[in-house]
C-alpha cells in the first residue's frame, strides 16, 4: 500500500487521506469519497483570498460520514481529508491552467480541457459560484508538489485496493461518492433528482450492475436520474473497465436531503439518509451476490 502523505493544518499535521478497512472483506465493493475533505492546509489558507466559509463551497459536505458504515458491511472506504479547493483527484493528474502559475509547467500538461477552462482543473482556480481561490499566482513547483506528494499516492492506494478486491472476488465494483447542490438546474421535464447515478454513458460498469443500483435506490423512495447532469468524472472513467472485471459507478446525492448548505453542517435528515444508504448498499451487495459467484461467497 502507498505510504499515506501528510500535510500541515492549523490544528497540526494530519494524513492527507484515510482508508477505513473492514475486519474482513466480504463484498466486492470499494467506496471512494474524493471531495469531502474539510481539513484545510496552512499553505492554502495563507494564499487564498476567500473567507473560511466561502472556501468550503466546493466540498461534498460530509459524504465520507454518509458512507462510513461500509466497513461494517465488508467493504473499504477511501476518503480524502484535503479539500477539493486544494487538489482535485477526480481530474487527470495534470489538468493545469498555466495562467495560475509562475514558472514553466511540463510540456505534457493538459491545459486545454473543458474543466481547466471552467476553472476546475487538478489545482482548481475557483470554488462553486465562480469565486477565485487565490490572491495571486502560485509557483509552478507547488502544483507539481501537490500532484507528486498527494495526488499520486491517493490514486496508487485506490488502484491497489481495487486490484486486491478483484483478486479476492473475481470482480471489483467502485462506488465513487459525491454530493450535488440542491439548487441544481431542473432537467427536461422539470425533474430535480435526489440521486444521480453515472456510468460514463454505459461504459464504466456492466448494465446489470447499474440496473440493480438504480432499482435499489428507487425502491427506497428516491427520484433517480442516470448520467444527467453527472455521468462520472475522471475516477469513474479511469477505473471503470468492465471487460476485465473492474466496474465503476458515480453516485451524486442532493445535499438538501441531509445538510444545511449555508451553514455547512448536517441537518435532521442526515441519519435517515445514512440508514437508507446502508439498506441500499446491503441490498445492492445481496443482488450482486445472487448474480456473481465470487469465491468468497461460496466459502
Protein backbone atom coordinates (compact mmCIF):
# COMPACT_ATOMS: atom_id res chain seq x y z
CA UNK A 1 0.00 0.00 0.00
CA UNK A 2 1.25 3.51 -0.82
CA UNK A 3 2.59 5.42 2.15
CA UNK A 4 -0.03 7.93 3.28
CA UNK A 5 1.23 11.50 2.78
CA UNK A 6 0.72 14.20 5.40
CA UNK A 7 0.10 17.93 5.35
CA UNK A 8 0.07 20.84 7.78
CA UNK A 9 -3.12 22.47 9.09
CA UNK A 10 -3.74 24.99 11.83
CA UNK A 11 -4.54 22.03 14.10
CA UNK A 12 -1.29 20.23 13.30
CA UNK A 13 -0.02 17.57 10.90
CA UNK A 14 -2.62 15.13 9.58
CA UNK A 15 -2.81 12.38 6.94
CA UNK A 16 -3.94 13.57 3.52
CA UNK A 17 -6.50 10.77 3.30
CA UNK A 18 -7.66 7.76 5.24
CA UNK A 19 -8.79 4.30 4.31
CA UNK A 20 -11.35 2.64 6.54
CA UNK A 21 -10.98 -1.12 6.18
CA UNK A 22 -13.34 -3.92 7.24
CA UNK A 23 -12.04 -6.61 9.58
CA UNK A 24 -12.52 -9.00 6.67
CA UNK A 25 -13.61 -8.01 3.13
CA UNK A 26 -16.85 -9.84 2.36
CA UNK A 27 -18.27 -7.98 -0.65
CA UNK A 28 -16.55 -6.94 -3.92
CA UNK A 29 -17.08 -3.22 -3.38
CA UNK A 30 -14.72 -0.29 -2.86
CA UNK A 31 -16.08 3.12 -1.86
CA UNK A 32 -14.30 6.40 -2.51
CA UNK A 33 -15.06 9.94 -1.30
CA UNK A 34 -12.58 12.23 -3.06
CA UNK A 35 -14.27 15.61 -2.47
CA UNK A 36 -15.42 15.55 1.16
CA UNK A 37 -12.12 16.66 2.71
CA UNK A 38 -12.56 19.52 5.20
CA UNK A 39 -9.08 19.88 6.70
CA UNK A 40 -7.57 22.98 5.12
CA UNK A 41 -3.77 23.08 4.59
CA UNK A 42 -1.95 26.01 6.12
CA UNK A 43 -0.37 26.94 2.78
CA UNK A 44 -3.82 27.20 1.18
CA UNK A 45 -5.13 29.42 3.98
CA UNK A 46 -2.06 31.65 3.59
CA UNK A 47 -2.63 32.19 -0.15
CA UNK A 48 -6.42 32.24 -0.56
CA UNK A 49 -8.50 35.37 -0.94
CA UNK A 50 -11.58 33.60 0.41
CA UNK A 51 -13.02 33.52 3.89
CA UNK A 52 -13.16 30.34 5.95
CA UNK A 53 -16.74 29.72 4.87
CA UNK A 54 -16.50 30.74 1.22
CA UNK A 55 -13.63 28.39 0.52
CA UNK A 56 -15.82 25.46 1.59
CA UNK A 57 -18.26 25.85 -1.30
CA UNK A 58 -16.68 23.05 -3.31
CA UNK A 59 -16.92 20.44 -0.54
CA UNK A 60 -19.05 17.35 -0.94
CA UNK A 61 -20.43 18.02 2.51
CA UNK A 62 -19.94 15.09 4.88
CA UNK A 63 -20.23 12.45 2.16
CA UNK A 64 -17.49 10.49 3.91
CA UNK A 65 -19.67 10.31 7.02
CA UNK A 66 -22.72 9.28 5.00
CA UNK A 67 -20.80 6.20 3.85
CA UNK A 68 -18.61 5.44 6.84
CA UNK A 69 -20.78 2.39 7.59
CA UNK A 70 -19.42 0.42 4.63
CA UNK A 71 -16.59 -1.30 6.57
CA UNK A 72 -19.29 -2.87 8.76
CA UNK A 73 -20.76 -4.37 5.57
CA UNK A 74 -17.39 -5.72 4.44
CA UNK A 75 -16.03 -3.02 2.09
CA UNK A 76 -13.27 -0.38 2.37
CA UNK A 77 -13.80 3.39 2.14
CA UNK A 78 -11.05 5.70 0.85
CA UNK A 79 -11.76 9.28 1.92
CA UNK A 80 -9.77 12.45 1.23
CA UNK A 81 -9.04 14.78 4.13
CA UNK A 82 -7.53 17.50 1.93
CA UNK A 83 -10.18 19.76 0.38
CA UNK A 84 -11.14 19.83 -3.26
CA UNK A 85 -10.23 23.53 -3.36
CA UNK A 86 -6.61 22.48 -2.75
CA UNK A 87 -6.33 19.47 -5.07
CA UNK A 88 -8.90 17.62 -7.15
CA UNK A 89 -8.09 13.92 -7.52
CA UNK A 90 -11.17 13.48 -9.75
CA UNK A 91 -9.22 15.07 -12.58
CA UNK A 92 -6.39 13.90 -14.77
CA UNK A 93 -3.10 14.32 -12.91
CA UNK A 94 -2.00 17.33 -14.95
CA UNK A 95 -5.10 19.31 -15.92
CA UNK A 96 -3.48 22.65 -15.12
CA UNK A 97 -4.13 26.26 -16.14
CA UNK A 98 -0.76 27.92 -16.95
CA UNK A 99 -2.24 31.32 -16.07
CA UNK A 100 -2.40 30.26 -12.43
CA UNK A 101 1.31 29.57 -12.09
CA UNK A 102 4.63 31.38 -12.21
CA UNK A 103 7.28 29.33 -13.96
CA UNK A 104 7.19 26.66 -16.65
CA UNK A 105 4.93 23.63 -16.49
CA UNK A 106 5.80 20.31 -18.17
CA UNK A 107 5.01 20.02 -21.88
CA UNK A 108 2.58 17.17 -21.23
CA UNK A 109 0.22 19.31 -19.12
CA UNK A 110 -3.37 19.23 -20.40
CA UNK A 111 -4.16 22.94 -20.35
CA UNK A 112 -6.92 22.78 -22.95
CA UNK A 113 -9.54 20.65 -21.20
CA UNK A 114 -13.06 21.93 -20.63
CA UNK A 115 -12.54 21.54 -16.89
CA UNK A 116 -9.43 23.73 -16.94
CA UNK A 117 -11.31 26.33 -18.99
CA UNK A 118 -14.02 26.32 -16.33
CA UNK A 119 -11.52 26.86 -13.53
CA UNK A 120 -11.86 23.34 -12.16
CA UNK A 121 -8.62 21.63 -13.05
CA UNK A 122 -6.40 19.45 -10.87
CA UNK A 123 -5.42 22.60 -8.97
CA UNK A 124 -8.74 24.48 -9.06
CA UNK A 125 -8.85 28.20 -9.80
CA UNK A 126 -12.36 28.70 -8.41
CA UNK A 127 -14.80 27.25 -5.92
CA UNK A 128 -18.52 26.98 -6.56
CA UNK A 129 -20.26 30.19 -7.65
CA UNK A 130 -17.14 31.13 -9.64
CA UNK A 131 -15.21 32.66 -6.77
CA UNK A 132 -11.46 32.89 -7.35
CA UNK A 133 -9.46 30.96 -4.75
CA UNK A 134 -6.05 32.65 -4.84
CA UNK A 135 -4.87 36.23 -4.36
CA UNK A 136 -2.12 35.80 -6.94
CA UNK A 137 -0.25 33.21 -8.98
CA UNK A 138 1.32 30.12 -7.42
CA UNK A 139 4.79 28.73 -8.13
CA UNK A 140 4.57 26.02 -10.78
CA UNK A 141 6.63 23.84 -8.47
CA UNK A 142 3.83 24.00 -5.90
CA UNK A 143 1.33 22.49 -8.34
CA UNK A 144 3.73 19.69 -9.18
CA UNK A 145 4.45 19.08 -5.49
CA UNK A 146 0.76 18.59 -4.67
CA UNK A 147 0.44 16.15 -7.55
CA UNK A 148 3.53 14.16 -6.59
CA UNK A 149 3.00 14.20 -2.84
CA UNK A 150 -0.77 13.70 -2.56
CA UNK A 151 -2.49 13.04 -5.90
CA UNK A 152 -0.31 10.15 -6.99
CA UNK A 153 -0.30 8.31 -3.63
CA UNK A 154 -4.10 8.69 -3.42
CA UNK A 155 -4.55 7.03 -6.80
CA UNK A 156 -1.93 4.40 -6.08
CA UNK A 157 -3.83 3.47 -2.93
CA UNK A 158 -7.14 3.29 -4.78
CA UNK A 159 -5.59 1.18 -7.54
CA UNK A 160 -4.10 -1.24 -5.02
CA UNK A 161 -7.36 -1.66 -3.12
CA UNK A 162 -9.26 -2.31 -6.34
CA UNK A 163 -6.69 -4.83 -7.53
CA UNK A 164 -6.82 -6.63 -4.20
CA UNK A 165 -10.62 -6.71 -4.33
CA UNK A 166 -10.73 -8.17 -7.81
CA UNK A 167 -8.14 -10.80 -6.93
CA UNK A 168 -10.26 -11.90 -3.99
CA UNK A 169 -13.71 -11.81 -5.57
CA UNK A 170 -13.14 -12.00 -9.33
CA UNK A 171 -14.56 -8.51 -9.79
CA UNK A 172 -14.35 -5.11 -8.14
CA UNK A 173 -17.14 -2.53 -8.00
CA UNK A 174 -16.02 1.02 -7.27
CA UNK A 175 -18.67 3.39 -5.95
CA UNK A 176 -17.39 6.97 -6.23
CA UNK A 177 -19.41 9.05 -3.78
CA UNK A 178 -20.30 12.72 -4.28
CA UNK A 179 -22.93 15.33 -3.49
CA UNK A 180 -24.61 17.96 -5.62
CA UNK A 181 -26.21 21.29 -4.70
CA UNK A 182 -29.94 21.33 -4.07
CA UNK A 183 -30.14 24.32 -6.40
CA UNK A 184 -29.28 22.06 -9.33
CA UNK A 185 -30.98 23.22 -12.51
CA UNK A 186 -34.03 21.14 -13.31
CA UNK A 187 -33.66 18.50 -16.02
CA UNK A 188 -36.00 18.44 -19.03
CA UNK A 189 -39.49 17.77 -17.75
CA UNK A 190 -38.79 19.61 -14.50
CA UNK A 191 -37.06 16.71 -12.72
CA UNK A 192 -34.76 17.61 -9.82
CA UNK A 193 -33.31 14.23 -8.90
CA UNK A 194 -32.45 13.18 -5.38
CA UNK A 195 -29.65 10.98 -6.65
CA UNK A 196 -27.79 10.72 -9.95
CA UNK A 197 -26.00 7.53 -10.96
CA UNK A 198 -23.23 7.94 -13.51
CA UNK A 199 -21.63 5.18 -15.55
CA UNK A 200 -19.97 7.25 -18.27
CA UNK A 201 -22.94 6.60 -20.55
CA UNK A 202 -22.78 2.84 -20.22
CA UNK A 203 -19.01 2.39 -20.49
CA UNK A 204 -17.71 2.16 -16.91
CA UNK A 205 -19.86 -0.67 -15.49
CA UNK A 206 -21.95 -3.61 -16.60
CA UNK A 207 -25.51 -2.60 -17.44
CA UNK A 208 -26.85 -5.19 -14.99
CA UNK A 209 -24.99 -3.58 -12.09
CA UNK A 210 -26.29 -0.13 -12.99
CA UNK A 211 -29.82 -1.51 -13.21
CA UNK A 212 -29.52 -3.14 -9.78
CA UNK A 213 -28.19 0.05 -8.18
CA UNK A 214 -30.90 2.19 -9.76
CA UNK A 215 -33.71 -0.17 -8.77
CA UNK A 216 -32.47 -0.40 -5.20
CA UNK A 217 -32.36 3.37 -4.77
CA UNK A 218 -35.78 3.89 -6.37
CA UNK A 219 -37.21 1.26 -4.03
CA UNK A 220 -36.11 3.43 -1.10
CA UNK A 221 -38.29 6.26 -2.38
CA UNK A 222 -35.75 8.45 -4.14
CA UNK A 223 -36.02 10.13 -7.53
CA UNK A 224 -33.07 8.84 -9.58
CA UNK A 225 -31.52 10.11 -12.81
CA UNK A 226 -28.81 8.42 -14.84
CA UNK A 227 -25.84 10.29 -16.31
CA UNK A 228 -27.63 13.65 -16.34
CA UNK A 229 -26.29 16.05 -15.35
CA UNK A 230 -23.39 13.98 -13.96
CA UNK A 231 -22.05 11.00 -15.90
CA UNK A 232 -18.98 10.41 -13.76
CA UNK A 233 -15.60 12.10 -13.66
CA UNK A 234 -12.02 11.01 -14.09
CA UNK A 235 -12.15 8.38 -11.33
CA UNK A 236 -15.15 6.64 -12.87
CA UNK A 237 -13.61 6.83 -16.33
CA UNK A 238 -10.16 5.66 -15.27
CA UNK A 239 -11.15 2.72 -13.08
CA UNK A 240 -14.24 1.51 -14.89
CA UNK A 241 -13.02 -1.35 -17.11
CA UNK A 242 -15.88 -3.83 -17.06
CA UNK A 243 -14.32 -6.07 -19.72
CA UNK A 244 -11.61 -7.03 -17.21
CA UNK A 245 -13.73 -7.10 -14.07
CA UNK A 246 -13.43 -3.51 -12.82
CA UNK A 247 -16.76 -1.69 -12.63
CA UNK A 248 -17.17 1.94 -11.55
CA UNK A 249 -20.27 3.94 -10.68
CA UNK A 250 -20.52 7.54 -9.55
CA UNK A 251 -23.30 8.44 -7.13
CA UNK A 252 -24.31 12.08 -6.62
CA UNK A 253 -26.59 12.86 -3.67
CA UNK A 254 -28.67 16.01 -3.40
CA UNK A 255 -27.26 17.91 -0.39
CA UNK A 256 -30.68 19.20 0.53
CA UNK A 257 -31.55 15.68 1.70
CA UNK A 258 -29.08 15.79 4.57
CA UNK A 259 -27.27 19.12 5.04
CA UNK A 260 -27.74 22.82 5.65
CA UNK A 261 -25.81 24.12 2.67
CA UNK A 262 -25.45 27.65 4.08
CA UNK A 263 -24.21 26.54 7.49
CA UNK A 264 -22.04 23.66 6.13
CA UNK A 265 -23.41 21.13 8.58
CA UNK A 266 -25.70 18.08 8.59
CA UNK A 267 -29.36 18.63 9.39
CA UNK A 268 -32.07 16.36 10.79
CA UNK A 269 -32.29 14.33 7.58
CA UNK A 270 -28.70 13.07 7.80
CA UNK A 271 -29.33 9.97 9.94
CA UNK A 272 -32.36 8.88 7.93
CA UNK A 273 -30.43 9.16 4.68
CA UNK A 274 -27.48 7.27 6.12
CA UNK A 275 -29.80 4.45 7.22
CA UNK A 276 -31.32 4.26 3.74
CA UNK A 277 -27.88 4.24 2.15
CA UNK A 278 -26.95 1.35 4.43
CA UNK A 279 -30.01 -0.53 3.17
CA UNK A 280 -29.07 0.36 -0.40
CA UNK A 281 -25.51 -0.98 -0.12
CA UNK A 282 -26.63 -4.15 1.70
CA UNK A 283 -29.31 -4.81 -0.91
CA UNK A 284 -27.00 -3.99 -3.81
CA UNK A 285 -24.40 -6.42 -2.45
CA UNK A 286 -27.01 -9.15 -1.94
CA UNK A 287 -28.27 -8.79 -5.50
CA UNK A 288 -24.73 -8.87 -6.89
CA UNK A 289 -24.01 -12.00 -4.82
CA UNK A 290 -27.02 -13.66 -6.42
CA UNK A 291 -25.75 -12.82 -9.91
CA UNK A 292 -21.99 -13.32 -9.48
CA UNK A 293 -20.46 -16.40 -7.90
CA UNK A 294 -17.36 -14.81 -6.40
CA UNK A 295 -15.07 -17.14 -4.45
CA UNK A 296 -15.74 -15.66 -1.01
CA UNK A 297 -19.49 -16.14 -1.42
CA UNK A 298 -19.01 -19.88 -1.93
CA UNK A 299 -16.86 -20.45 1.16
